[in-house]
């Protein structure tokens, strides 16, 4: 699912962030104050090992997985 927000000015941005931050219940939208630094972090090493473990499935394998 993709959700978009039309923000036309810095005032709109500030208001949108304030509203997202102060919701009742469990928040489903999180806004970071800065972009994450992925280079050299433990997260990037973990991601590389996950890529190494990826296995491709043929169309025949997909039917077996869905039926099982």
C-alpha atoms as a PDB file:
ATOM      1  CA  UNK A   1       0.000   0.000   0.000  1.00  0.00           C
ATOM      2  CA  UNK A   2       1.262   3.458  -0.825  1.00  0.00           C
ATOM      3  CA  UNK A   3      -0.086   6.565   0.876  1.00  0.00           C
ATOM      4  CA  UNK A   4       0.804  10.087  -0.204  1.00  0.00           C
ATOM      5  CA  UNK A   5       0.463  13.443   1.509  1.00  0.00           C
ATOM      6  CA  UNK A   6       0.270  16.801  -0.242  1.00  0.00           C
ATOM      7  CA  UNK A   7       2.381  19.272   1.712  1.00  0.00           C
ATOM      8  CA  UNK A   8       2.565  22.705   0.103  1.00  0.00           C
ATOM      9  CA  UNK A   9       4.594  24.746   2.567  1.00  0.00           C
ATOM     10  CA  UNK A  10       6.807  24.533   5.654  1.00  0.00           C
ATOM     11  CA  UNK A  11       3.779  25.450   7.758  1.00  0.00           C
ATOM     12  CA  UNK A  12       1.885  22.473   6.265  1.00  0.00           C
ATOM     13  CA  UNK A  13       4.921  20.280   7.023  1.00  0.00           C
ATOM     14  CA  UNK A  14       5.118  21.430  10.639  1.00  0.00           C
ATOM     15  CA  UNK A  15       1.373  20.905  11.136  1.00  0.00           C
ATOM     16  CA  UNK A  16       1.451  17.468   9.495  1.00  0.00           C
ATOM     17  CA  UNK A  17       4.374  16.336  11.677  1.00  0.00           C
ATOM     18  CA  UNK A  18       2.646  17.647  14.797  1.00  0.00           C
ATOM     19  CA  UNK A  19      -0.562  15.767  13.945  1.00  0.00           C
ATOM     20  CA  UNK A  20       1.289  12.534  13.114  1.00  0.00           C
ATOM     21  CA  UNK A  21       3.248  12.725  16.352  1.00  0.00           C
ATOM     22  CA  UNK A  22       0.205  13.233  18.587  1.00  0.00           C
ATOM     23  CA  UNK A  23      -2.228  10.472  17.655  1.00  0.00           C
ATOM     24  CA  UNK A  24      -4.206   8.305  20.022  1.00  0.00           C
ATOM     25  CA  UNK A  25      -3.404   4.612  19.924  1.00  0.00           C
ATOM     26  CA  UNK A  26      -0.554   2.956  18.102  1.00  0.00           C
ATOM     27  CA  UNK A  27       1.260   5.156  15.605  1.00  0.00           C
ATOM     28  CA  UNK A  28       1.493   3.736  12.085  1.00  0.00           C
ATOM     29  CA  UNK A  29       3.514   6.604  10.600  1.00  0.00           C
ATOM     30  CA  UNK A  30       6.931   7.500  11.952  1.00  0.00           C
ATOM     31  CA  UNK A  31       8.921  10.547  10.814  1.00  0.00           C
ATOM     32  CA  UNK A  32      12.654  10.619  11.507  1.00  0.00           C
ATOM     33  CA  UNK A  33      14.467  13.853  12.284  1.00  0.00           C
ATOM     34  CA  UNK A  34      17.298  12.883   9.913  1.00  0.00           C
ATOM     35  CA  UNK A  35      18.163  10.295   7.270  1.00  0.00           C
ATOM     36  CA  UNK A  36      19.657   7.070   8.637  1.00  0.00           C
ATOM     37  CA  UNK A  37      23.376   6.509   8.148  1.00  0.00           C
ATOM     38  CA  UNK A  38      23.515   3.019   6.632  1.00  0.00           C
ATOM     39  CA  UNK A  39      27.160   2.991   5.532  1.00  0.00           C
ATOM     40  CA  UNK A  40      29.371   1.112   7.968  1.00  0.00           C
ATOM     41  CA  UNK A  41      26.550   0.414  10.401  1.00  0.00           C
ATOM     42  CA  UNK A  42      25.703  -3.014  11.760  1.00  0.00           C
ATOM     43  CA  UNK A  43      22.449  -2.872   9.802  1.00  0.00           C
ATOM     44  CA  UNK A  44      24.209  -2.723   6.449  1.00  0.00           C
ATOM     45  CA  UNK A  45      26.310  -5.822   7.276  1.00  0.00           C
ATOM     46  CA  UNK A  46      23.182  -7.717   8.267  1.00  0.00           C
ATOM     47  CA  UNK A  47      21.478  -6.714   5.062  1.00  0.00           C
ATOM     48  CA  UNK A  48      24.398  -7.999   2.977  1.00  0.00           C
ATOM     49  CA  UNK A  49      24.254 -11.406   4.668  1.00  0.00           C
ATOM     50  CA  UNK A  50      20.499 -11.558   4.021  1.00  0.00           C
ATOM     51  CA  UNK A  51      21.078 -10.935   0.317  1.00  0.00           C
ATOM     52  CA  UNK A  52      23.584 -13.800   0.244  1.00  0.00           C
ATOM     53  CA  UNK A  53      20.898 -16.168   1.593  1.00  0.00           C
ATOM     54  CA  UNK A  54      18.228 -15.309  -1.012  1.00  0.00           C
ATOM     55  CA  UNK A  55      17.070 -18.274  -3.097  1.00  0.00           C
ATOM     56  CA  UNK A  56      15.152 -17.881  -6.327  1.00  0.00           C
ATOM     57  CA  UNK A  57      12.104 -20.032  -7.029  1.00  0.00           C
ATOM     58  CA  UNK A  58      10.955 -21.275 -10.403  1.00  0.00           C
ATOM     59  CA  UNK A  59       7.264 -21.145 -11.328  1.00  0.00           C
ATOM     60  CA  UNK A  60       7.010 -24.859 -10.443  1.00  0.00           C
ATOM     61  CA  UNK A  61       8.436 -24.224  -6.951  1.00  0.00           C
ATOM     62  CA  UNK A  62       5.939 -21.406  -6.343  1.00  0.00           C
ATOM     63  CA  UNK A  63       2.963 -23.767  -6.853  1.00  0.00           C
ATOM     64  CA  UNK A  64       4.432 -26.222  -4.343  1.00  0.00           C
ATOM     65  CA  UNK A  65       5.030 -23.528  -1.727  1.00  0.00           C
ATOM     66  CA  UNK A  66       1.499 -22.114  -2.068  1.00  0.00           C
ATOM     67  CA  UNK A  67      -0.131 -25.550  -1.891  1.00  0.00           C
ATOM     68  CA  UNK A  68       1.937 -26.696   1.104  1.00  0.00           C
END
